[in-house]
Structure formats: C-alpha cells, structure tokens
Amino acid sequence: NAQKIETDLKAAEKPPDPLLLSLPKDRKLALRALGFLHLPRDLCHLLDLGFAAQNLLNLKNNSLQPTSTSFTSYYIGRSTHCKKGLIQTVAKLSTSNKVPTSFGPTNIDEFQCRSDGVWYPDNLLCSSSLTIMWKGVYCNPFFNPVDENNLEITAKYFTDMYTQEEYIPLNFSLLQYGEKKFSQTRGNIPLASQSIKPDSFRKVEFEPILTSRSADFAAL
C-alpha cells in the first residue's frame, strides 16, 4: 500500500551513520595528538614528575573543573588503529569544544562529496580551546600545569615572613611578585613609612631593609 511504500522510501533515503574520525584532518594537529598520546613510558614519568613540581608552586591556585571533552577519551573510543603503544598518562588533553551529536546531510540525495557526513576532531585540539588537565596530590580536581605561575600566590606561600609583632608591618617589603608587579614608587615607600619603623632600628638601617628587595635584580 501507499503507506508502506512511503515508509520504505524514507528508509532508503536515510543517510548512513556519520563517521567521526579519531584524528584531526590537519597534519600538525594530528601529530600533536599522537605525540602526546604515544609518549615513551620514561618520558611520561618525567612529565608527571615535572607537573608535580609545578603543582608545588601552585598549591593555592584555583583548581580547574574538567572541561566538557577529553580528547584522550575521544581518541580511545574512536580509534580502530594506532592503539599499540598508547600510554595513559596522568595528564589529559581536554577542551571546551564538544563533539557534535548530529551533522552532515539528512537525506542520501544531499550527499555531494566524500567528506559529507565525515567529522574530524580538529576543533578539539585548537590551541584556543585546548587545556592540559592534570590531577595531582595537591589539586582537586585538576589544574593546568603549563599555565604561567600565579606569582602573587607563589610569593606569598614561599616567602618567610616576620613573625615578631614589631616586625610584622614590614612583611610587605619581603614579597616579590615579579617585575610587572613592581610599583614605580616602591622605592619611596621607606621614606613615607617611618611610622612603622621598629624601635630596634635606626633610620639608616630601616630604609635599606625596606628597599633591599624593591628591585627585580635583588629578588631571591
């Protein structure tokens, strides 16, 4: 009957399932992915040790929530080859971009070329969206070990401060936040801070102590 013919026609016009390929179309992006996923075992250990050291400098940095897509998981789920030698490192390639749930022509007659209905994961490895996520001892749940250190947090955590009550007001002079954070008028602070001078200091001692770490070449 007509209804069965219409149903059979719709079934015949239905396109094949879309093809999600495991590697990007761009050669450089594909090599980036394969290089990360197939690191030699010793280099993976070195990678994790380096990230652990970096994590120690970021103890108080804000942790990252996992982004929507892990390229490592995507690759393992889609790859039918190249799995030999794949080592699961503690670090993961993660991206804010998502794998599409549907794409390509919806009717078989709309296919025009070989690439129709084929999806490459290039956008999962674009530098603008890609993040290395690492779960270490001191980060919960993850942090990005290749991000530039937060110098303010690092300085506060790793600088020994005065603990005696009369010297506590001088702690600001010990912190080094990096050259970009230096105030243009920092060298004038000792002259304007005579009110916090401890009684045990003379003026000739007080001013050099507050200025000794005011320049980047004096930073420890």
C-alpha atoms as a PDB file:
ATOM      1  CA  ASN A   1       0.000   0.000   0.000  1.00  0.00           C
ATOM      2  CA  ALA A   2       0.960   3.649  -0.235  1.00  0.00           C
ATOM      3  CA  GLN A   3       1.906   3.980   3.447  1.00  0.00           C
ATOM      4  CA  LYS A   4       4.339   1.062   3.238  1.00  0.00           C
ATOM      5  CA  ILE A   5       5.878   2.457   0.070  1.00  0.00           C
ATOM      6  CA  GLU A   6       6.353   5.847   1.768  1.00  0.00           C
ATOM      7  CA  THR A   7       7.950   4.168   4.797  1.00  0.00           C
ATOM      8  CA  ASP A   8      10.311   2.141   2.590  1.00  0.00           C
ATOM      9  CA  LEU A   9      11.223   5.278   0.626  1.00  0.00           C
ATOM     10  CA  LYS A  10      12.092   7.212   3.792  1.00  0.00           C
ATOM     11  CA  ALA A  11      14.206   4.295   4.979  1.00  0.00           C
ATOM     12  CA  ALA A  12      16.037   4.200   1.643  1.00  0.00           C
ATOM     13  CA  GLU A  13      16.693   7.939   1.786  1.00  0.00           C
ATOM     14  CA  LYS A  14      18.102   7.767   5.293  1.00  0.00           C
ATOM     15  CA  PRO A  15      21.854   8.519   5.194  1.00  0.00           C
ATOM     16  CA  PRO A  16      24.414   6.196   6.778  1.00  0.00           C
ATOM     17  CA  ASP A  17      25.565   6.935  10.305  1.00  0.00           C
ATOM     18  CA  PRO A  18      28.004   9.864  10.405  1.00  0.00           C
ATOM     19  CA  LEU A  19      31.670   8.999  10.621  1.00  0.00           C
ATOM     20  CA  LEU A  20      33.649  10.542  13.485  1.00  0.00           C
ATOM     21  CA  LEU A  21      37.333  10.119  12.764  1.00  0.00           C
ATOM     22  CA  SER A  22      39.837   9.669  15.563  1.00  0.00           C
ATOM     23  CA  LEU A  23      42.463  12.154  14.353  1.00  0.00           C
ATOM     24  CA  PRO A  24      42.319  15.725  13.028  1.00  0.00           C
ATOM     25  CA  LYS A  25      42.468  16.435   9.323  1.00  0.00           C
ATOM     26  CA  ASP A  26      45.242  18.978   9.864  1.00  0.00           C
ATOM     27  CA  ARG A  27      48.564  17.124   9.904  1.00  0.00           C
ATOM     28  CA  LYS A  28      50.148  19.316  12.588  1.00  0.00           C
ATOM     29  CA  LEU A  29      47.196  18.839  14.933  1.00  0.00           C
ATOM     30  CA  ALA A  30      47.212  15.091  14.296  1.00  0.00           C
ATOM     31  CA  LEU A  31      50.929  14.879  15.097  1.00  0.00           C
ATOM     32  CA  ARG A  32      50.357  16.934  18.257  1.00  0.00           C
ATOM     33  CA  ALA A  33      47.759  14.436  19.407  1.00  0.00           C
ATOM     34  CA  LEU A  34      49.777  11.339  18.516  1.00  0.00           C
ATOM     35  CA  GLY A  35      52.914  12.788  20.101  1.00  0.00           C
ATOM     36  CA  PHE A  36      51.094  13.324  23.379  1.00  0.00           C
ATOM     37  CA  LEU A  37      49.218  10.028  23.339  1.00  0.00           C
ATOM     38  CA  HIS A  38      52.232   7.880  22.460  1.00  0.00           C
ATOM     39  CA  LEU A  39      54.934   9.357  24.649  1.00  0.00           C
ATOM     40  CA  PRO A  40      57.633   6.874  25.703  1.00  0.00           C
ATOM     41  CA  ARG A  41      56.983   5.498  29.173  1.00  0.00           C
ATOM     42  CA  ASP A  42      60.068   7.124  30.713  1.00  0.00           C
ATOM     43  CA  LEU A  43      59.050  10.481  29.270  1.00  0.00           C
ATOM     44  CA  CYS A  44      55.558  10.024  30.738  1.00  0.00           C
ATOM     45  CA  HIS A  45      57.114   9.553  34.170  1.00  0.00           C
ATOM     46  CA  LEU A  46      59.251  12.651  33.638  1.00  0.00           C
ATOM     47  CA  LEU A  47      56.147  14.551  32.555  1.00  0.00           C
ATOM     48  CA  ASP A  48      54.320  13.621  35.738  1.00  0.00           C
ATOM     49  CA  LEU A  49      57.322  14.488  37.905  1.00  0.00           C
ATOM     50  CA  GLY A  50      57.602  17.886  36.226  1.00  0.00           C
ATOM     51  CA  PHE A  51      53.897  18.533  36.707  1.00  0.00           C
ATOM     52  CA  ALA A  52      54.163  17.508  40.355  1.00  0.00           C
ATOM     53  CA  ALA A  53      56.964  20.040  40.851  1.00  0.00           C
ATOM     54  CA  GLN A  54      54.884  22.708  39.123  1.00  0.00           C
ATOM     55  CA  ASN A  55      51.933  21.802  41.319  1.00  0.00           C
ATOM     56  CA  LEU A  56      54.023  22.555  44.411  1.00  0.00           C
ATOM     57  CA  LEU A  57      54.402  26.124  43.133  1.00  0.00           C
ATOM     58  CA  ASN A  58      50.647  26.384  42.664  1.00  0.00           C
ATOM     59  CA  LEU A  59      49.401  24.922  45.921  1.00  0.00           C
ATOM     60  CA  LYS A  60      46.896  27.689  46.481  1.00  0.00           C
ATOM     61  CA  ASN A  61      45.936  28.284  42.877  1.00  0.00           C
ATOM     62  CA  ASN A  62      42.318  27.701  41.962  1.00  0.00           C
ATOM     63  CA  SER A  63      41.716  24.187  40.748  1.00  0.00           C
ATOM     64  CA  LEU A  64      40.024  23.572  37.415  1.00  0.00           C
ATOM     65  CA  GLN A  65      36.846  21.678  36.789  1.00  0.00           C
ATOM     66  CA  PRO A  66      37.132  19.118  33.969  1.00  0.00           C
ATOM     67  CA  THR A  67      36.103  20.643  30.657  1.00  0.00           C
ATOM     68  CA  SER A  68      33.432  19.088  28.506  1.00  0.00           C
ATOM     69  CA  THR A  69      35.567  16.878  26.281  1.00  0.00           C
ATOM     70  CA  SER A  70      38.657  14.786  26.926  1.00  0.00           C
ATOM     71  CA  PHE A  71      40.489  14.216  23.651  1.00  0.00           C
ATOM     72  CA  THR A  72      42.216  11.197  25.181  1.00  0.00           C
ATOM     73  CA  SER A  73      38.864   9.546  25.884  1.00  0.00           C
ATOM     74  CA  TYR A  74      37.537  10.542  22.456  1.00  0.00           C
ATOM     75  CA  TYR A  75      40.565   9.064  20.716  1.00  0.00           C
ATOM     76  CA  ILE A  76      40.401   5.788  22.622  1.00  0.00           C
ATOM     77  CA  GLY A  77      36.697   5.470  21.897  1.00  0.00           C
ATOM     78  CA  ARG A  78      37.008   6.178  18.161  1.00  0.00           C
ATOM     79  CA  SER A  79      40.376   4.820  17.103  1.00  0.00           C
ATOM     80  CA  THR A  80      40.445   1.418  15.455  1.00  0.00           C
ATOM     81  CA  HIS A  81      44.209   1.543  14.983  1.00  0.00           C
ATOM     82  CA  CYS A  82      47.308   3.147  16.469  1.00  0.00           C
ATOM     83  CA  LYS A  83      46.397   1.957  19.979  1.00  0.00           C
ATOM     84  CA  LYS A  84      49.593  -0.028  20.226  1.00  0.00           C
ATOM     85  CA  GLY A  85      51.996   1.857  22.452  1.00  0.00           C
ATOM     86  CA  LEU A  86      49.268   4.106  23.839  1.00  0.00           C
ATOM     87  CA  ILE A  87      50.120   5.034  27.421  1.00  0.00           C
ATOM     88  CA  GLN A  88      47.566   6.567  29.739  1.00  0.00           C
ATOM     89  CA  THR A  89      49.387   9.484  31.329  1.00  0.00           C
ATOM     90  CA  VAL A  90      48.091  11.273  34.389  1.00  0.00           C
ATOM     91  CA  ALA A  91      47.737  14.384  32.224  1.00  0.00           C
ATOM     92  CA  LYS A  92      44.796  14.637  29.846  1.00  0.00           C
ATOM     93  CA  LEU A  93      44.182  16.750  26.780  1.00  0.00           C
ATOM     94  CA  SER A  94      40.905  18.499  27.444  1.00  0.00           C
ATOM     95  CA  THR A  95      38.887  21.042  25.508  1.00  0.00           C
ATOM     96  CA  SER A  96      35.856  23.245  25.980  1.00  0.00           C
ATOM     97  CA  ASN A  97      34.641  22.340  22.477  1.00  0.00           C
ATOM     98  CA  LYS A  98      32.228  19.448  22.097  1.00  0.00           C
ATOM     99  CA  VAL A  99      31.804  16.523  19.768  1.00  0.00           C
ATOM    100  CA  PRO A 100      28.685  17.142  17.657  1.00  0.00           C
ATOM    101  CA  THR A 101      25.741  14.852  18.245  1.00  0.00           C
ATOM    102  CA  SER A 102      24.488  15.244  14.673  1.00  0.00           C
ATOM    103  CA  PHE A 103      25.937  16.646  11.468  1.00  0.00           C
ATOM    104  CA  GLY A 104      26.008  16.106   7.726  1.00  0.00           C
ATOM    105  CA  PRO A 105      23.152  15.707   5.229  1.00  0.00           C
ATOM    106  CA  THR A 106      19.845  14.318   6.487  1.00  0.00           C
ATOM    107  CA  ASN A 107      18.933  12.760   3.136  1.00  0.00           C
ATOM    108  CA  ILE A 108      21.020  10.456   0.969  1.00  0.00           C
ATOM    109  CA  ASP A 109      20.284  12.633  -2.074  1.00  0.00           C
ATOM    110  CA  GLU A 110      22.025  15.589  -0.398  1.00  0.00           C
ATOM    111  CA  PHE A 111      25.455  13.955  -0.367  1.00  0.00           C
ATOM    112  CA  GLN A 112      27.687  15.811  -2.801  1.00  0.00           C
ATOM    113  CA  CYS A 113      31.240  14.769  -1.940  1.00  0.00           C
ATOM    114  CA  ARG A 114      33.275  12.201   0.006  1.00  0.00           C
ATOM    115  CA  SER A 115      33.620  14.481   3.038  1.00  0.00           C
ATOM    116  CA  ASP A 116      29.858  14.803   3.595  1.00  0.00           C
ATOM    117  CA  GLY A 117      28.915  13.052   6.811  1.00  0.00           C
ATOM    118  CA  VAL A 118      32.540  12.891   7.972  1.00  0.00           C
ATOM    119  CA  TRP A 119      33.732  14.809  11.048  1.00  0.00           C
ATOM    120  CA  TYR A 120      37.336  15.494  12.009  1.00  0.00           C
ATOM    121  CA  PRO A 121      38.180  16.462  15.607  1.00  0.00           C
ATOM    122  CA  ASP A 122      40.365  19.444  14.636  1.00  0.00           C
ATOM    123  CA  ASN A 123      38.428  21.821  16.893  1.00  0.00           C
ATOM    124  CA  LEU A 124      39.197  19.593  19.898  1.00  0.00           C
ATOM    125  CA  LEU A 125      42.901  20.341  19.503  1.00  0.00           C
ATOM    126  CA  CYS A 126      42.864  24.045  18.642  1.00  0.00           C
ATOM    127  CA  SER A 127      45.222  25.981  20.902  1.00  0.00           C
ATOM    128  CA  SER A 128      42.486  28.447  21.832  1.00  0.00           C
ATOM    129  CA  SER A 129      40.360  25.749  23.471  1.00  0.00           C
ATOM    130  CA  LEU A 130      42.882  23.082  24.438  1.00  0.00           C
ATOM    131  CA  THR A 131      43.920  22.612  28.052  1.00  0.00           C
ATOM    132  CA  ILE A 132      46.196  20.113  29.713  1.00  0.00           C
ATOM    133  CA  MET A 133      44.403  18.808  32.781  1.00  0.00           C
ATOM    134  CA  TRP A 134      46.466  17.146  35.489  1.00  0.00           C
ATOM    135  CA  LYS A 135      45.275  15.617  38.724  1.00  0.00           C
ATOM    136  CA  GLY A 136      47.974  15.614  41.341  1.00  0.00           C
ATOM    137  CA  VAL A 137      48.245  15.292  45.069  1.00  0.00           C
ATOM    138  CA  TYR A 138      47.637  18.975  45.800  1.00  0.00           C
ATOM    139  CA  CYS A 139      44.966  19.860  43.250  1.00  0.00           C
ATOM    140  CA  ASN A 140      41.327  18.948  43.404  1.00  0.00           C
ATOM    141  CA  PRO A 141      40.146  18.019  40.963  1.00  0.00           C
ATOM    142  CA  PHE A 142      42.582  19.248  38.271  1.00  0.00           C
ATOM    143  CA  PHE A 143      44.938  22.072  37.342  1.00  0.00           C
ATOM    144  CA  ASN A 144      46.762  23.124  34.199  1.00  0.00           C
ATOM    145  CA  PRO A 145      50.495  22.606  34.828  1.00  0.00           C
ATOM    146  CA  VAL A 146      51.605  24.620  31.794  1.00  0.00           C
ATOM    147  CA  ASP A 147      49.832  27.809  32.825  1.00  0.00           C
ATOM    148  CA  GLU A 148      52.070  30.632  33.950  1.00  0.00           C
ATOM    149  CA  ASN A 149      52.543  30.600  37.695  1.00  0.00           C
ATOM    150  CA  ASN A 150      50.456  32.977  39.717  1.00  0.00           C
ATOM    151  CA  LEU A 151      53.432  34.927  41.047  1.00  0.00           C
ATOM    152  CA  GLU A 152      51.432  36.643  43.756  1.00  0.00           C
ATOM    153  CA  ILE A 153      50.279  33.349  45.245  1.00  0.00           C
ATOM    154  CA  THR A 154      53.713  31.752  44.842  1.00  0.00           C
ATOM    155  CA  ALA A 155      55.446  34.696  46.519  1.00  0.00           C
ATOM    156  CA  LYS A 156      53.075  34.684  49.474  1.00  0.00           C
ATOM    157  CA  TYR A 157      53.420  30.952  50.002  1.00  0.00           C
ATOM    158  CA  PHE A 158      57.185  30.632  49.649  1.00  0.00           C
ATOM    159  CA  THR A 159      58.353  33.821  51.359  1.00  0.00           C
ATOM    160  CA  ASP A 160      59.335  33.557  55.014  1.00  0.00           C
ATOM    161  CA  MET A 161      57.676  36.439  56.804  1.00  0.00           C
ATOM    162  CA  TYR A 162      58.485  38.241  60.025  1.00  0.00           C
ATOM    163  CA  THR A 163      56.591  36.776  62.977  1.00  0.00           C
ATOM    164  CA  GLN A 164      57.634  39.117  65.744  1.00  0.00           C
ATOM    165  CA  GLU A 165      54.890  41.637  66.329  1.00  0.00           C
ATOM    166  CA  GLU A 166      57.042  44.723  65.887  1.00  0.00           C
ATOM    167  CA  TYR A 167      58.334  43.499  62.510  1.00  0.00           C
ATOM    168  CA  ILE A 168      55.043  42.253  61.007  1.00  0.00           C
ATOM    169  CA  PRO A 169      54.279  45.669  59.387  1.00  0.00           C
ATOM    170  CA  LEU A 170      57.473  45.210  57.338  1.00  0.00           C
ATOM    171  CA  ASN A 171      56.331  41.975  55.675  1.00  0.00           C
ATOM    172  CA  PHE A 172      55.111  43.789  52.570  1.00  0.00           C
ATOM    173  CA  SER A 173      58.722  44.605  51.710  1.00  0.00           C
ATOM    174  CA  LEU A 174      59.681  40.922  51.518  1.00  0.00           C
ATOM    175  CA  LEU A 175      57.243  39.870  48.825  1.00  0.00           C
ATOM    176  CA  GLN A 176      58.398  39.613  45.219  1.00  0.00           C
ATOM    177  CA  TYR A 177      55.583  39.463  42.668  1.00  0.00           C
ATOM    178  CA  GLY A 178      57.738  39.753  39.578  1.00  0.00           C
ATOM    179  CA  GLU A 179      58.916  42.710  37.557  1.00  0.00           C
ATOM    180  CA  LYS A 180      55.474  43.518  36.117  1.00  0.00           C
ATOM    181  CA  LYS A 181      54.034  43.936  39.597  1.00  0.00           C
ATOM    182  CA  PHE A 182      56.617  46.433  40.836  1.00  0.00           C
ATOM    183  CA  SER A 183      55.235  49.802  41.733  1.00  0.00           C
ATOM    184  CA  GLN A 184      57.023  52.740  40.148  1.00  0.00           C
ATOM    185  CA  THR A 185      57.058  54.428  43.545  1.00  0.00           C
ATOM    186  CA  ARG A 186      58.108  51.461  45.658  1.00  0.00           C
ATOM    187  CA  GLY A 187      61.489  52.991  46.354  1.00  0.00           C
ATOM    188  CA  ASN A 188      59.757  55.945  48.080  1.00  0.00           C
ATOM    189  CA  ILE A 189      57.816  53.748  50.492  1.00  0.00           C
ATOM    190  CA  PRO A 190      60.571  53.560  53.175  1.00  0.00           C
ATOM    191  CA  LEU A 191      60.762  57.341  53.323  1.00  0.00           C
ATOM    192  CA  ALA A 192      56.997  57.568  53.809  1.00  0.00           C
ATOM    193  CA  SER A 193      56.779  54.664  56.260  1.00  0.00           C
ATOM    194  CA  GLN A 194      58.736  55.970  59.194  1.00  0.00           C
ATOM    195  CA  SER A 195      55.713  55.368  61.425  1.00  0.00           C
ATOM    196  CA  ILE A 196      56.129  51.577  61.167  1.00  0.00           C
ATOM    197  CA  LYS A 197      59.850  51.626  61.952  1.00  0.00           C
ATOM    198  CA  PRO A 198      60.571  49.248  64.848  1.00  0.00           C
ATOM    199  CA  ASP A 199      62.209  50.853  67.832  1.00  0.00           C
ATOM    200  CA  SER A 200      65.157  48.485  67.430  1.00  0.00           C
ATOM    201  CA  PHE A 201      66.005  50.027  64.030  1.00  0.00           C
ATOM    202  CA  ARG A 202      67.721  53.285  63.345  1.00  0.00           C
ATOM    203  CA  LYS A 203      66.648  55.226  60.272  1.00  0.00           C
ATOM    204  CA  VAL A 204      69.871  54.348  58.453  1.00  0.00           C
ATOM    205  CA  GLU A 205      69.071  50.660  58.998  1.00  0.00           C
ATOM    206  CA  PHE A 206      65.350  50.824  58.381  1.00  0.00           C
ATOM    207  CA  GLU A 207      65.398  52.341  54.893  1.00  0.00           C
ATOM    208  CA  PRO A 208      67.915  49.880  53.342  1.00  0.00           C
ATOM    209  CA  ILE A 209      65.984  46.916  54.749  1.00  0.00           C
ATOM    210  CA  LEU A 210      62.743  48.063  53.119  1.00  0.00           C
ATOM    211  CA  THR A 211      64.426  48.843  49.801  1.00  0.00           C
ATOM    212  CA  SER A 212      66.692  45.781  49.590  1.00  0.00           C
ATOM    213  CA  ARG A 213      64.041  43.809  47.710  1.00  0.00           C
ATOM    214  CA  SER A 214      62.425  46.641  45.810  1.00  0.00           C
ATOM    215  CA  ALA A 215      64.250  45.943  42.544  1.00  0.00           C
ATOM    216  CA  ASP A 216      63.985  42.813  40.424  1.00  0.00           C
ATOM    217  CA  PHE A 217      67.726  42.126  40.493  1.00  0.00           C
ATOM    218  CA  ALA A 218      67.552  41.962  44.299  1.00  0.00           C
ATOM    219  CA  ALA A 219      64.844  39.304  44.286  1.00  0.00           C
ATOM    220  CA  LEU A 220      65.678  35.936  45.786  1.00  0.00           C
END
